Amino acid sequence: MRKTVLLLTATIDPGDTVMVARRDPAVRLADYQHALRRWITSGVACDMVVCENSGSDLTSLREIAKGFFGNVEFVSYSGNASGAIRGKGHAEMEMIRHVLGASKLLAGAEIILKCTGRLAVRNAAKILQGTSRGDFDVMCTLKRNLSFADSRLFAATPRFINEYLLPLGEKLDDNRGMTFEHGLAQATARAISDQRRWSPFPCFPVIDGVSGTDGKSMTNSALTRVSKAVYHQLRNVVYRH
């Protein structure tokens, strides 16, 4: 099994970041608090890193994290300036770049499971099993003729992130339609062309929360979850053959 570290990215105060509907720092902090409680009680058995890039007070999150059985590391800094110019995708890419250099826990990771910190994953423990046991360089959900990757949740080796994902950071600009999702898809395609291994998630990630982009709920109904889970497994059969 490969050592997996969970990375939760956070921006409590988005400031003037473009294309963000859920903007109130108090509302966003409540999202992060709720999601962190969910992660702590989800049964995941790995170290956790929370990185916040608006320099906000993390006292309440630190208090919640005391209930976690594993190691939790908080990395806080002021680094969201590019959000107002190039959008949240570029700012998040820079956050990942920063935390890789600042985190002690990530320094020992063989796999980094990254999730947007305002969101929770109902089947997180099962997802984590797949990331720890899987043989891959990047694990993500590809869509739209492979041009778009769901960046809310993905797993990757530090090598993939450093060699393929971070070099695309300067291309990201939400105003021009080059989002983090497009960057992750391009990084994955380049890695595959170099004979690196991409893998889908072993099961459909059941994500709960509210979109920061449009303020709409991303929590699916029970029927939708079942249909998407079946569709996910069918696609995985196709991928394997």
C-alpha atoms as a PDB file:
ATOM      1  CA  MET A   1       0.000   0.000   0.000  1.00  0.00           C
ATOM      2  CA  ARG A   2       1.183   3.502  -0.784  1.00  0.00           C
ATOM      3  CA  LYS A   3       1.040   6.187   1.865  1.00  0.00           C
ATOM      4  CA  THR A   4      -1.782   8.584   1.017  1.00  0.00           C
ATOM      5  CA  VAL A   5      -2.132  12.036   2.549  1.00  0.00           C
ATOM      6  CA  LEU A   6      -5.395  13.946   2.255  1.00  0.00           C
ATOM      7  CA  LEU A   7      -5.030  17.582   1.137  1.00  0.00           C
ATOM      8  CA  LEU A   8      -7.967  19.912   1.733  1.00  0.00           C
ATOM      9  CA  THR A   9      -7.628  23.264  -0.027  1.00  0.00           C
ATOM     10  CA  ALA A  10      -9.374  26.324   1.387  1.00  0.00           C
ATOM     11  CA  THR A  11      -9.993  30.008   0.678  1.00  0.00           C
ATOM     12  CA  ILE A  12     -12.127  31.432   3.468  1.00  0.00           C
ATOM     13  CA  ASP A  13     -12.077  34.986   2.144  1.00  0.00           C
ATOM     14  CA  PRO A  14     -12.072  34.940  -1.687  1.00  0.00           C
ATOM     15  CA  GLY A  15     -11.834  38.721  -1.859  1.00  0.00           C
ATOM     16  CA  ASP A  16     -12.233  39.834  -5.467  1.00  0.00           C
ATOM     17  CA  THR A  17     -11.677  36.392  -6.968  1.00  0.00           C
ATOM     18  CA  VAL A  18     -13.569  36.268 -10.247  1.00  0.00           C
ATOM     19  CA  MET A  19     -16.474  33.905 -10.943  1.00  0.00           C
ATOM     20  CA  VAL A  20     -17.256  33.104  -7.305  1.00  0.00           C
ATOM     21  CA  ALA A  21     -20.887  33.258  -6.190  1.00  0.00           C
ATOM     22  CA  ARG A  22     -20.411  31.918  -2.654  1.00  0.00           C
ATOM     23  CA  ARG A  23     -18.356  34.880  -1.482  1.00  0.00           C
ATOM     24  CA  ASP A  24     -19.268  35.637   2.166  1.00  0.00           C
ATOM     25  CA  PRO A  25     -16.290  34.570   4.351  1.00  0.00           C
ATOM     26  CA  ALA A  26     -18.597  33.642   7.252  1.00  0.00           C
ATOM     27  CA  VAL A  27     -20.652  31.356   5.012  1.00  0.00           C
ATOM     28  CA  ARG A  28     -17.539  29.815   3.517  1.00  0.00           C
ATOM     29  CA  LEU A  29     -15.997  29.235   6.946  1.00  0.00           C
ATOM     30  CA  ALA A  30     -19.161  27.430   8.017  1.00  0.00           C
ATOM     31  CA  ASP A  31     -18.814  25.260   4.884  1.00  0.00           C
ATOM     32  CA  TYR A  32     -15.243  24.366   5.816  1.00  0.00           C
ATOM     33  CA  GLN A  33     -16.221  23.618   9.411  1.00  0.00           C
ATOM     34  CA  HIS A  34     -19.035  21.321   8.327  1.00  0.00           C
ATOM     35  CA  ALA A  35     -16.906  19.526   5.741  1.00  0.00           C
ATOM     36  CA  LEU A  36     -13.988  19.033   8.150  1.00  0.00           C
ATOM     37  CA  ARG A  37     -16.308  17.448  10.707  1.00  0.00           C
ATOM     38  CA  ARG A  38     -17.546  15.115   7.978  1.00  0.00           C
ATOM     39  CA  TRP A  39     -14.017  14.137   7.007  1.00  0.00           C
ATOM     40  CA  ILE A  40     -13.039  13.476  10.604  1.00  0.00           C
ATOM     41  CA  THR A  41     -15.994  11.120  11.097  1.00  0.00           C
ATOM     42  CA  SER A  42     -15.727   9.507   7.649  1.00  0.00           C
ATOM     43  CA  GLY A  43     -13.415   6.698   8.706  1.00  0.00           C
ATOM     44  CA  VAL A  44     -10.465   7.791   6.570  1.00  0.00           C
ATOM     45  CA  ALA A  45      -7.212   6.419   7.941  1.00  0.00           C
ATOM     46  CA  CYS A  46      -4.574   8.824   6.715  1.00  0.00           C
ATOM     47  CA  ASP A  47      -2.776  12.016   7.608  1.00  0.00           C
ATOM     48  CA  MET A  48      -4.513  15.255   6.662  1.00  0.00           C
ATOM     49  CA  VAL A  49      -3.264  18.669   5.537  1.00  0.00           C
ATOM     50  CA  VAL A  50      -5.494  21.755   5.427  1.00  0.00           C
ATOM     51  CA  CYS A  51      -4.068  24.610   3.359  1.00  0.00           C
ATOM     52  CA  GLU A  52      -5.756  28.045   3.436  1.00  0.00           C
ATOM     53  CA  ASN A  53      -4.531  30.846   1.181  1.00  0.00           C
ATOM     54  CA  SER A  54      -6.351  33.996   2.338  1.00  0.00           C
ATOM     55  CA  GLY A  55      -4.574  34.315   5.701  1.00  0.00           C
ATOM     56  CA  SER A  56      -7.830  33.875   7.636  1.00  0.00           C
ATOM     57  CA  ASP A  57      -8.140  32.764  11.250  1.00  0.00           C
ATOM     58  CA  LEU A  58      -8.167  28.959  11.414  1.00  0.00           C
ATOM     59  CA  THR A  59      -8.796  28.621  15.162  1.00  0.00           C
ATOM     60  CA  SER A  60     -12.232  27.036  14.751  1.00  0.00           C
ATOM     61  CA  LEU A  61     -10.911  24.511  12.235  1.00  0.00           C
ATOM     62  CA  ARG A  62      -8.007  23.625  14.493  1.00  0.00           C
ATOM     63  CA  GLU A  63     -10.463  22.955  17.329  1.00  0.00           C
ATOM     64  CA  ILE A  64     -12.511  20.636  15.121  1.00  0.00           C
ATOM     65  CA  ALA A  65      -9.352  18.810  14.019  1.00  0.00           C
ATOM     66  CA  LYS A  66      -8.550  17.865  17.614  1.00  0.00           C
ATOM     67  CA  GLY A  67     -11.164  15.130  17.252  1.00  0.00           C
ATOM     68  CA  PHE A  68      -9.210  13.401  14.456  1.00  0.00           C
ATOM     69  CA  PHE A  69      -7.249  10.289  15.397  1.00  0.00           C
ATOM     70  CA  GLY A  70      -4.494  10.942  12.839  1.00  0.00           C
ATOM     71  CA  ASN A  71      -2.021  13.726  12.188  1.00  0.00           C
ATOM     72  CA  VAL A  72      -3.473  17.034  10.989  1.00  0.00           C
ATOM     73  CA  GLU A  73      -1.315  19.867   9.696  1.00  0.00           C
ATOM     74  CA  PHE A  74      -2.512  23.394   8.941  1.00  0.00           C
ATOM     75  CA  VAL A  75      -0.722  25.596   6.421  1.00  0.00           C
ATOM     76  CA  SER A  76      -1.929  29.195   6.325  1.00  0.00           C
ATOM     77  CA  TYR A  77      -0.608  32.036   4.200  1.00  0.00           C
ATOM     78  CA  SER A  78      -1.761  35.026   2.157  1.00  0.00           C
ATOM     79  CA  GLY A  79      -1.519  34.010  -1.473  1.00  0.00           C
ATOM     80  CA  ASN A  80      -4.824  34.602  -3.212  1.00  0.00           C
ATOM     81  CA  ALA A  81      -3.902  37.785  -5.073  1.00  0.00           C
ATOM     82  CA  SER A  82      -4.009  36.103  -8.481  1.00  0.00           C
ATOM     83  CA  GLY A  83      -7.634  35.078  -7.890  1.00  0.00           C
ATOM     84  CA  ALA A  84      -8.857  38.576  -8.708  1.00  0.00           C
ATOM     85  CA  ILE A  85      -6.925  38.568 -11.975  1.00  0.00           C
ATOM     86  CA  ARG A  86      -6.917  35.004 -13.252  1.00  0.00           C
ATOM     87  CA  GLY A  87      -9.519  33.275 -11.133  1.00  0.00           C
ATOM     88  CA  LYS A  88      -9.692  30.569  -8.516  1.00  0.00           C
ATOM     89  CA  GLY A  89      -8.096  27.908 -10.732  1.00  0.00           C
ATOM     90  CA  HIS A  90      -4.775  29.718 -10.942  1.00  0.00           C
ATOM     91  CA  ALA A  91      -4.943  30.595  -7.246  1.00  0.00           C
ATOM     92  CA  GLU A  92      -5.566  26.960  -6.305  1.00  0.00           C
ATOM     93  CA  MET A  93      -2.710  25.759  -8.480  1.00  0.00           C
ATOM     94  CA  GLU A  94      -0.422  28.197  -6.685  1.00  0.00           C
ATOM     95  CA  MET A  95      -1.808  26.953  -3.366  1.00  0.00           C
ATOM     96  CA  ILE A  96      -0.831  23.399  -4.263  1.00  0.00           C
ATOM     97  CA  ARG A  97       2.607  24.605  -5.306  1.00  0.00           C
ATOM     98  CA  HIS A  98       2.999  26.412  -1.982  1.00  0.00           C
ATOM     99  CA  VAL A  99       1.788  23.604   0.263  1.00  0.00           C
ATOM    100  CA  LEU A 100       4.048  21.030  -1.392  1.00  0.00           C
ATOM    101  CA  GLY A 101       6.994  23.136  -0.278  1.00  0.00           C
ATOM    102  CA  ALA A 102       5.622  24.015   3.149  1.00  0.00           C
ATOM    103  CA  SER A 103       4.008  20.819   4.450  1.00  0.00           C
ATOM    104  CA  LYS A 104       5.928  18.244   6.448  1.00  0.00           C
ATOM    105  CA  LEU A 105       3.212  15.610   6.052  1.00  0.00           C
ATOM    106  CA  LEU A 106       3.046  15.944   2.264  1.00  0.00           C
ATOM    107  CA  ALA A 107       6.821  15.511   2.094  1.00  0.00           C
ATOM    108  CA  GLY A 108       6.301  11.874   3.081  1.00  0.00           C
ATOM    109  CA  ALA A 109       3.323  11.199   0.835  1.00  0.00           C
ATOM    110  CA  GLU A 110       3.406   8.674  -1.992  1.00  0.00           C
ATOM    111  CA  ILE A 111      -0.108   9.678  -3.069  1.00  0.00           C
ATOM    112  CA  ILE A 112      -1.858  13.013  -2.477  1.00  0.00           C
ATOM    113  CA  LEU A 113      -5.652  12.868  -2.389  1.00  0.00           C
ATOM    114  CA  LYS A 114      -6.789  16.439  -2.978  1.00  0.00           C
ATOM    115  CA  CYS A 115     -10.318  17.616  -2.241  1.00  0.00           C
ATOM    116  CA  THR A 116     -11.871  21.065  -2.225  1.00  0.00           C
ATOM    117  CA  GLY A 117     -12.080  21.795   1.490  1.00  0.00           C
ATOM    118  CA  ARG A 118     -15.721  22.930   1.542  1.00  0.00           C
ATOM    119  CA  LEU A 119     -16.850  19.550   0.256  1.00  0.00           C
ATOM    120  CA  ALA A 120     -17.254  16.161   1.888  1.00  0.00           C
ATOM    121  CA  VAL A 121     -17.182  12.717   0.285  1.00  0.00           C
ATOM    122  CA  ARG A 122     -19.650  10.202   1.674  1.00  0.00           C
ATOM    123  CA  ASN A 123     -17.675   7.175   0.558  1.00  0.00           C
ATOM    124  CA  ALA A 124     -14.301   8.683   1.434  1.00  0.00           C
ATOM    125  CA  ALA A 125     -12.986   5.563   3.184  1.00  0.00           C
ATOM    126  CA  LYS A 126     -13.622   3.419   0.093  1.00  0.00           C
ATOM    127  CA  ILE A 127     -12.047   6.036  -2.174  1.00  0.00           C
ATOM    128  CA  LEU A 128      -9.002   6.134   0.097  1.00  0.00           C
ATOM    129  CA  GLN A 129      -8.638   2.364  -0.096  1.00  0.00           C
ATOM    130  CA  GLY A 130      -8.510   2.635  -3.868  1.00  0.00           C
ATOM    131  CA  THR A 131      -5.913   5.399  -3.870  1.00  0.00           C
ATOM    132  CA  SER A 132      -3.679   3.570  -1.396  1.00  0.00           C
ATOM    133  CA  ARG A 133      -3.772   0.238  -3.241  1.00  0.00           C
ATOM    134  CA  GLY A 134      -4.007   1.405  -6.844  1.00  0.00           C
ATOM    135  CA  ASP A 135      -1.171   1.454  -9.366  1.00  0.00           C
ATOM    136  CA  PHE A 136      -1.468   4.879 -10.991  1.00  0.00           C
ATOM    137  CA  ASP A 137       0.167   8.258 -11.433  1.00  0.00           C
ATOM    138  CA  VAL A 138      -3.091  10.211 -11.518  1.00  0.00           C
ATOM    139  CA  MET A 139      -6.631   9.203 -10.587  1.00  0.00           C
ATOM    140  CA  CYS A 140      -9.404  11.527 -11.684  1.00  0.00           C
ATOM    141  CA  THR A 141     -12.729  11.686 -13.498  1.00  0.00           C
ATOM    142  CA  LEU A 142     -12.373  12.763 -17.130  1.00  0.00           C
ATOM    143  CA  LYS A 143     -15.298  14.274 -19.034  1.00  0.00           C
ATOM    144  CA  ARG A 144     -16.217  16.169 -22.206  1.00  0.00           C
ATOM    145  CA  ASN A 145     -14.178  14.092 -24.655  1.00  0.00           C
ATOM    146  CA  LEU A 146     -11.290  13.978 -22.199  1.00  0.00           C
ATOM    147  CA  SER A 147     -10.866  17.773 -22.269  1.00  0.00           C
ATOM    148  CA  PHE A 148     -12.139  18.357 -18.714  1.00  0.00           C
ATOM    149  CA  ALA A 149     -11.212  16.695 -15.412  1.00  0.00           C
ATOM    150  CA  ASP A 150     -13.216  17.026 -12.203  1.00  0.00           C
ATOM    151  CA  SER A 151     -10.777  18.865  -9.944  1.00  0.00           C
ATOM    152  CA  ARG A 152     -12.938  18.785  -6.826  1.00  0.00           C
ATOM    153  CA  LEU A 153     -11.426  15.413  -6.001  1.00  0.00           C
ATOM    154  CA  PHE A 154      -8.385  13.784  -7.567  1.00  0.00           C
ATOM    155  CA  ALA A 155      -5.388  11.744  -6.479  1.00  0.00           C
ATOM    156  CA  ALA A 156      -1.872  11.855  -7.839  1.00  0.00           C
ATOM    157  CA  THR A 157       1.731  11.100  -7.087  1.00  0.00           C
ATOM    158  CA  PRO A 158       3.928  14.067  -6.117  1.00  0.00           C
ATOM    159  CA  ARG A 159       5.882  13.367  -9.299  1.00  0.00           C
ATOM    160  CA  PHE A 160       2.787  13.819 -11.476  1.00  0.00           C
ATOM    161  CA  ILE A 161       1.907  17.052  -9.697  1.00  0.00           C
ATOM    162  CA  ASN A 162       5.421  18.477 -10.011  1.00  0.00           C
ATOM    163  CA  GLU A 163       6.204  17.319 -13.542  1.00  0.00           C
ATOM    164  CA  TYR A 164       2.831  17.574 -15.274  1.00  0.00           C
ATOM    165  CA  LEU A 165       0.292  19.611 -13.320  1.00  0.00           C
ATOM    166  CA  LEU A 166       2.198  22.548 -11.826  1.00  0.00           C
ATOM    167  CA  PRO A 167       3.976  23.484 -15.095  1.00  0.00           C
ATOM    168  CA  LEU A 168       0.542  24.250 -16.569  1.00  0.00           C
ATOM    169  CA  GLY A 169      -0.238  26.758 -13.825  1.00  0.00           C
ATOM    170  CA  GLU A 170       0.737  29.808 -15.847  1.00  0.00           C
ATOM    171  CA  LYS A 171      -1.732  28.840 -18.579  1.00  0.00           C
ATOM    172  CA  LEU A 172      -4.701  28.940 -16.222  1.00  0.00           C
ATOM    173  CA  ASP A 173      -7.048  31.909 -16.551  1.00  0.00           C
ATOM    174  CA  ASP A 174     -10.736  31.530 -15.753  1.00  0.00           C
ATOM    175  CA  ASN A 175     -11.524  34.679 -17.733  1.00  0.00           C
ATOM    176  CA  ARG A 176     -10.245  32.997 -20.883  1.00  0.00           C
ATOM    177  CA  GLY A 177     -11.908  29.663 -20.234  1.00  0.00           C
ATOM    178  CA  MET A 178      -8.703  27.894 -19.195  1.00  0.00           C
ATOM    179  CA  THR A 179      -9.752  26.511 -15.822  1.00  0.00           C
ATOM    180  CA  PHE A 180      -8.077  24.183 -13.361  1.00  0.00           C
ATOM    181  CA  GLU A 181     -10.260  21.413 -14.776  1.00  0.00           C
ATOM    182  CA  HIS A 182      -8.818  21.950 -18.248  1.00  0.00           C
ATOM    183  CA  GLY A 183      -5.303  22.071 -16.835  1.00  0.00           C
ATOM    184  CA  LEU A 184      -5.752  18.794 -14.956  1.00  0.00           C
ATOM    185  CA  ALA A 185      -7.111  17.127 -18.101  1.00  0.00           C
ATOM    186  CA  GLN A 186      -4.163  18.372 -20.173  1.00  0.00           C
ATOM    187  CA  ALA A 187      -1.666  17.265 -17.525  1.00  0.00           C
ATOM    188  CA  THR A 188      -3.272  13.818 -17.499  1.00  0.00           C
ATOM    189  CA  ALA A 189      -3.099  13.534 -21.290  1.00  0.00           C
ATOM    190  CA  ARG A 190       0.564  14.515 -21.310  1.00  0.00           C
ATOM    191  CA  ALA A 191       1.339  11.988 -18.603  1.00  0.00           C
ATOM    192  CA  ILE A 192      -0.435   9.221 -20.521  1.00  0.00           C
ATOM    193  CA  SER A 193       1.575  10.120 -23.647  1.00  0.00           C
ATOM    194  CA  ASP A 194       4.707   9.586 -21.537  1.00  0.00           C
ATOM    195  CA  GLN A 195       3.389   6.134 -20.543  1.00  0.00           C
ATOM    196  CA  ARG A 196       2.349   7.232 -17.072  1.00  0.00           C
ATOM    197  CA  ARG A 197      -0.773   5.580 -15.762  1.00  0.00           C
ATOM    198  CA  TRP A 198      -4.180   7.208 -15.395  1.00  0.00           C
ATOM    199  CA  SER A 199      -6.945   5.479 -13.458  1.00  0.00           C
ATOM    200  CA  PRO A 200     -10.597   6.264 -12.777  1.00  0.00           C
ATOM    201  CA  PHE A 201     -11.826   6.121  -9.203  1.00  0.00           C
ATOM    202  CA  PRO A 202     -12.699   2.596  -8.071  1.00  0.00           C
ATOM    203  CA  CYS A 203     -16.211   3.798  -7.241  1.00  0.00           C
ATOM    204  CA  PHE A 204     -18.287   6.881  -7.971  1.00  0.00           C
ATOM    205  CA  PRO A 205     -17.268   9.638  -5.507  1.00  0.00           C
ATOM    206  CA  VAL A 206     -20.387  10.765  -3.649  1.00  0.00           C
ATOM    207  CA  ILE A 207     -19.682  14.455  -3.080  1.00  0.00           C
ATOM    208  CA  ASP A 208     -21.747  16.669  -0.781  1.00  0.00           C
ATOM    209  CA  GLY A 209     -21.619  20.439  -0.594  1.00  0.00           C
ATOM    210  CA  VAL A 210     -22.384  23.689  -2.371  1.00  0.00           C
ATOM    211  CA  SER A 211     -20.593  24.954  -5.455  1.00  0.00           C
ATOM    212  CA  GLY A 212     -18.532  28.057  -4.838  1.00  0.00           C
ATOM    213  CA  THR A 213     -18.843  29.008  -8.510  1.00  0.00           C
ATOM    214  CA  ASP A 214     -22.617  29.218  -8.785  1.00  0.00           C
ATOM    215  CA  GLY A 215     -23.836  28.641  -5.202  1.00  0.00           C
ATOM    216  CA  LYS A 216     -25.862  25.560  -6.169  1.00  0.00           C
ATOM    217  CA  SER A 217     -26.009  22.327  -4.190  1.00  0.00           C
ATOM    218  CA  MET A 218     -23.865  19.482  -5.513  1.00  0.00           C
ATOM    219  CA  THR A 219     -25.543  16.875  -3.309  1.00  0.00           C
ATOM    220  CA  ASN A 220     -27.386  14.418  -5.554  1.00  0.00           C
ATOM    221  CA  SER A 221     -30.631  12.619  -4.763  1.00  0.00           C
ATOM    222  CA  ALA A 222     -30.505   8.932  -3.825  1.00  0.00           C
ATOM    223  CA  LEU A 223     -31.773   7.905  -7.259  1.00  0.00           C
ATOM    224  CA  THR A 224     -29.185  10.052  -9.026  1.00  0.00           C
ATOM    225  CA  ARG A 225     -26.408   8.632  -6.848  1.00  0.00           C
ATOM    226  CA  VAL A 226     -27.420   5.084  -7.721  1.00  0.00           C
ATOM    227  CA  SER A 227     -27.634   5.804 -11.462  1.00  0.00           C
ATOM    228  CA  LYS A 228     -24.269   7.563 -11.475  1.00  0.00           C
ATOM    229  CA  ALA A 229     -22.667   4.741  -9.497  1.00  0.00           C
ATOM    230  CA  VAL A 230     -23.910   2.181 -12.036  1.00  0.00           C
ATOM    231  CA  TYR A 231     -22.764   4.337 -14.950  1.00  0.00           C
ATOM    232  CA  HIS A 232     -19.357   4.763 -13.282  1.00  0.00           C
ATOM    233  CA  GLN A 233     -18.872   1.007 -12.949  1.00  0.00           C
ATOM    234  CA  LEU A 234     -19.893   0.430 -16.568  1.00  0.00           C
ATOM    235  CA  ARG A 235     -17.355   2.996 -17.731  1.00  0.00           C
ATOM    236  CA  ASN A 236     -14.681   1.314 -15.618  1.00  0.00           C
ATOM    237  CA  VAL A 237     -15.398  -1.982 -17.362  1.00  0.00           C
ATOM    238  CA  VAL A 238     -14.921  -0.247 -20.717  1.00  0.00           C
ATOM    239  CA  TYR A 239     -11.682   1.402 -19.543  1.00  0.00           C
ATOM    240  CA  ARG A 240     -10.249  -1.963 -18.458  1.00  0.00           C
ATOM    241  CA  HIS A 241     -10.918  -3.500 -21.863  1.00  0.00           C
END
